[in-house]
Structures are given as structure tokens and as C-alpha cells.
């Protein structure tokens, strides 16, 4: 969760963090992994 709150991003991800306040790609992976866990 620390990565989602970090403001020290660069490049395309920095734009997403600036726009949404968190790393959208990282959050997507968390959701994907949690949903995979439910299906296992």
C-alpha cells in the first residue's frame, strides 16, 4: 500500500498519480490479485 501513496513517481505513472492521487496500474494489480485469490 505504501507504493500507492508515494508521490515520487516519474513518467506516465506520475501523471496518473497527480491526476488520481494514487498509482492506478498498481491498484489494478491489487484488485486483480485479490479477485484471483477468490477464484482459487
PDB file of N, CA and C in Angstrom:
ATOM      1  N   UNK A   1       0.812  -1.201   0.000  1.00  0.00           N
ATOM      2  CA  UNK A   1       0.000   0.000   0.000  1.00  0.00           C
ATOM      3  C   UNK A   1       0.853   1.262   0.000  1.00  0.00           C
ATOM      4  N   UNK A   2       2.067   1.153   0.501  1.00  0.00           N
ATOM      5  CA  UNK A   2       2.937   2.327   0.527  1.00  0.00           C
ATOM      6  C   UNK A   2       3.169   2.874  -0.875  1.00  0.00           C
ATOM      7  N   UNK A   3       3.328   1.976  -1.852  1.00  0.00           N
ATOM      8  CA  UNK A   3       3.582   2.411  -3.223  1.00  0.00           C
ATOM      9  C   UNK A   3       2.435   3.253  -3.763  1.00  0.00           C
ATOM     10  N   UNK A   4       1.216   2.953  -3.374  1.00  0.00           N
ATOM     11  CA  UNK A   4       0.068   3.708  -3.873  1.00  0.00           C
ATOM     12  C   UNK A   4       0.078   5.143  -3.369  1.00  0.00           C
ATOM     13  N   UNK A   5       0.643   5.378  -2.201  1.00  0.00           N
ATOM     14  CA  UNK A   5       0.625   6.708  -1.605  1.00  0.00           C
ATOM     15  C   UNK A   5       1.874   7.514  -1.912  1.00  0.00           C
ATOM     16  N   UNK A   6       2.886   6.879  -2.476  1.00  0.00           N
ATOM     17  CA  UNK A   6       4.145   7.553  -2.763  1.00  0.00           C
ATOM     18  C   UNK A   6       3.954   8.593  -3.858  1.00  0.00           C
ATOM     19  N   UNK A   7       4.516   9.775  -3.668  1.00  0.00           N
ATOM     20  CA  UNK A   7       4.408  10.852  -4.653  1.00  0.00           C
ATOM     21  C   UNK A   7       5.671  10.969  -5.488  1.00  0.00           C
ATOM     22  N   UNK A   8       6.598  10.030  -5.357  1.00  0.00           N
ATOM     23  CA  UNK A   8       7.875  10.126  -6.049  1.00  0.00           C
ATOM     24  C   UNK A   8       7.889   9.280  -7.315  1.00  0.00           C
ATOM     25  N   UNK A   9       6.927   9.463  -8.182  1.00  0.00           N
ATOM     26  CA  UNK A   9       6.840   8.736  -9.441  1.00  0.00           C
ATOM     27  C   UNK A   9       7.414   9.601 -10.554  1.00  0.00           C
ATOM     28  N   UNK A  10       7.762   8.947 -11.654  1.00  0.00           N
ATOM     29  CA  UNK A  10       8.258   9.653 -12.825  1.00  0.00           C
ATOM     30  C   UNK A  10       7.566   9.104 -14.055  1.00  0.00           C
ATOM     31  N   UNK A  11       7.518   9.884 -15.118  1.00  0.00           N
ATOM     32  CA  UNK A  11       6.972   9.418 -16.383  1.00  0.00           C
ATOM     33  C   UNK A  11       5.460   9.359 -16.392  1.00  0.00           C
ATOM     34  N   UNK A  12       4.931   8.371 -17.146  1.00  0.00           N
ATOM     35  CA  UNK A  12       3.486   8.244 -17.335  1.00  0.00           C
ATOM     36  C   UNK A  12       2.755   8.002 -16.023  1.00  0.00           C
ATOM     37  N   UNK A  13       3.348   7.188 -15.160  1.00  0.00           N
ATOM     38  CA  UNK A  13       2.685   6.897 -13.883  1.00  0.00           C
ATOM     39  C   UNK A  13       2.579   8.145 -13.016  1.00  0.00           C
ATOM     40  N   UNK A  14       3.555   9.032 -13.091  1.00  0.00           N
ATOM     41  CA  UNK A  14       3.497  10.266 -12.303  1.00  0.00           C
ATOM     42  C   UNK A  14       2.270  11.077 -12.695  1.00  0.00           C
ATOM     43  N   UNK A  15       1.972  11.121 -13.988  1.00  0.00           N
ATOM     44  CA  UNK A  15       0.782  11.843 -14.447  1.00  0.00           C
ATOM     45  C   UNK A  15      -0.479  11.239 -13.837  1.00  0.00           C
ATOM     46  N   UNK A  16      -0.542   9.911 -13.775  1.00  0.00           N
ATOM     47  CA  UNK A  16      -1.709   9.245 -13.198  1.00  0.00           C
ATOM     48  C   UNK A  16      -1.807   9.505 -11.698  1.00  0.00           C
ATOM     49  N   UNK A  17      -0.668   9.465 -11.008  1.00  0.00           N
ATOM     50  CA  UNK A  17      -0.658   9.743  -9.568  1.00  0.00           C
ATOM     51  C   UNK A  17      -1.099  11.178  -9.326  1.00  0.00           C
ATOM     52  N   UNK A  18      -0.616  12.110 -10.138  1.00  0.00           N
ATOM     53  CA  UNK A  18      -1.007  13.513  -9.988  1.00  0.00           C
ATOM     54  C   UNK A  18      -2.501  13.694 -10.248  1.00  0.00           C
ATOM     55  N   UNK A  19      -3.034  12.970 -11.224  1.00  0.00           N
ATOM     56  CA  UNK A  19      -4.441  13.120 -11.589  1.00  0.00           C
ATOM     57  C   UNK A  19      -5.381  12.447 -10.588  1.00  0.00           C
ATOM     58  N   UNK A  20      -5.055  11.202 -10.177  1.00  0.00           N
ATOM     59  CA  UNK A  20      -5.963  10.418  -9.339  1.00  0.00           C
ATOM     60  C   UNK A  20      -5.546  10.314  -7.879  1.00  0.00           C
ATOM     61  N   UNK A  21      -4.295  10.654  -7.573  1.00  0.00           N
ATOM     62  CA  UNK A  21      -3.832  10.605  -6.198  1.00  0.00           C
ATOM     63  C   UNK A  21      -3.225   9.272  -5.793  1.00  0.00           C
ATOM     64  N   UNK A  22      -3.175   8.309  -6.724  1.00  0.00           N
ATOM     65  CA  UNK A  22      -2.544   7.015  -6.454  1.00  0.00           C
ATOM     66  C   UNK A  22      -2.140   6.389  -7.781  1.00  0.00           C
ATOM     67  N   UNK A  23      -1.333   5.349  -7.710  1.00  0.00           N
ATOM     68  CA  UNK A  23      -0.846   4.651  -8.897  1.00  0.00           C
ATOM     69  C   UNK A  23      -1.938   3.698  -9.387  1.00  0.00           C
ATOM     70  N   UNK A  24      -2.610   4.082 -10.445  1.00  0.00           N
ATOM     71  CA  UNK A  24      -3.750   3.328 -10.962  1.00  0.00           C
ATOM     72  C   UNK A  24      -3.337   1.922 -11.406  1.00  0.00           C
ATOM     73  N   UNK A  25      -2.188   1.787 -12.056  1.00  0.00           N
ATOM     74  CA  UNK A  25      -1.737   0.471 -12.521  1.00  0.00           C
ATOM     75  C   UNK A  25      -1.465  -0.455 -11.340  1.00  0.00           C
ATOM     76  N   UNK A  26      -0.826   0.061 -10.310  1.00  0.00           N
ATOM     77  CA  UNK A  26      -0.553  -0.739  -9.118  1.00  0.00           C
ATOM     78  C   UNK A  26      -1.865  -1.156  -8.454  1.00  0.00           C
ATOM     79  N   UNK A  27      -2.823  -0.234  -8.365  1.00  0.00           N
ATOM     80  CA  UNK A  27      -4.118  -0.545  -7.763  1.00  0.00           C
ATOM     81  C   UNK A  27      -4.852  -1.615  -8.569  1.00  0.00           C
ATOM     82  N   UNK A  28      -4.755  -1.539  -9.899  1.00  0.00           N
ATOM     83  CA  UNK A  28      -5.382  -2.557 -10.744  1.00  0.00           C
ATOM     84  C   UNK A  28      -4.816  -3.941 -10.432  1.00  0.00           C
ATOM     85  N   UNK A  29      -3.506  -4.019 -10.265  1.00  0.00           N
ATOM     86  CA  UNK A  29      -2.887  -5.310  -9.968  1.00  0.00           C
ATOM     87  C   UNK A  29      -3.346  -5.847  -8.610  1.00  0.00           C
ATOM     88  N   UNK A  30      -3.523  -4.976  -7.640  1.00  0.00           N
ATOM     89  CA  UNK A  30      -4.032  -5.411  -6.334  1.00  0.00           C
ATOM     90  C   UNK A  30      -5.428  -6.008  -6.489  1.00  0.00           C
ATOM     91  N   UNK A  31      -6.291  -5.308  -7.210  1.00  0.00           N
ATOM     92  CA  UNK A  31      -7.659  -5.795  -7.423  1.00  0.00           C
ATOM     93  C   UNK A  31      -7.637  -7.127  -8.167  1.00  0.00           C
ATOM     94  N   UNK A  32      -6.801  -7.233  -9.197  1.00  0.00           N
ATOM     95  CA  UNK A  32      -6.698  -8.473  -9.976  1.00  0.00           C
ATOM     96  C   UNK A  32      -6.236  -9.632  -9.102  1.00  0.00           C
ATOM     97  N   UNK A  33      -5.221  -9.388  -8.286  1.00  0.00           N
ATOM     98  CA  UNK A  33      -4.709 -10.451  -7.421  1.00  0.00           C
ATOM     99  C   UNK A  33      -5.736 -10.871  -6.376  1.00  0.00           C
ATOM    100  N   UNK A  34      -6.465  -9.913  -5.823  1.00  0.00           N
ATOM    101  CA  UNK A  34      -7.495 -10.255  -4.840  1.00  0.00           C
ATOM    102  C   UNK A  34      -8.627 -11.050  -5.482  1.00  0.00           C
ATOM    103  N   UNK A  35      -9.004 -10.690  -6.707  1.00  0.00           N
ATOM    104  CA  UNK A  35     -10.077 -11.441  -7.365  1.00  0.00           C
ATOM    105  C   UNK A  35      -9.595 -12.832  -7.767  1.00  0.00           C
ATOM    106  N   UNK A  36      -8.323 -12.978  -8.140  1.00  0.00           N
ATOM    107  CA  UNK A  36      -7.763 -14.298  -8.442  1.00  0.00           C
ATOM    108  C   UNK A  36      -7.755 -15.177  -7.197  1.00  0.00           C
ATOM    109  N   UNK A  37      -7.496 -14.581  -6.058  1.00  0.00           N
ATOM    110  CA  UNK A  37      -7.481 -15.317  -4.793  1.00  0.00           C
ATOM    111  C   UNK A  37      -8.863 -15.905  -4.508  1.00  0.00           C
ATOM    112  N   UNK A  38      -9.916 -15.146  -4.795  1.00  0.00           N
ATOM    113  CA  UNK A  38     -11.277 -15.624  -4.564  1.00  0.00           C
ATOM    114  C   UNK A  38     -11.637 -16.780  -5.491  1.00  0.00           C
ATOM    115  N   UNK A  39     -11.046 -16.824  -6.671  1.00  0.00           N
ATOM    116  CA  UNK A  39     -11.347 -17.876  -7.645  1.00  0.00           C
ATOM    117  C   UNK A  39     -10.496 -19.121  -7.451  1.00  0.00           C
ATOM    118  N   UNK A  40      -9.492 -19.047  -6.609  1.00  0.00           N
ATOM    119  CA  UNK A  40      -8.572 -20.189  -6.424  1.00  0.00           C
ATOM    120  C   UNK A  40      -9.151 -21.245  -5.511  1.00  0.00           C
TER     121      UNK A  40
END
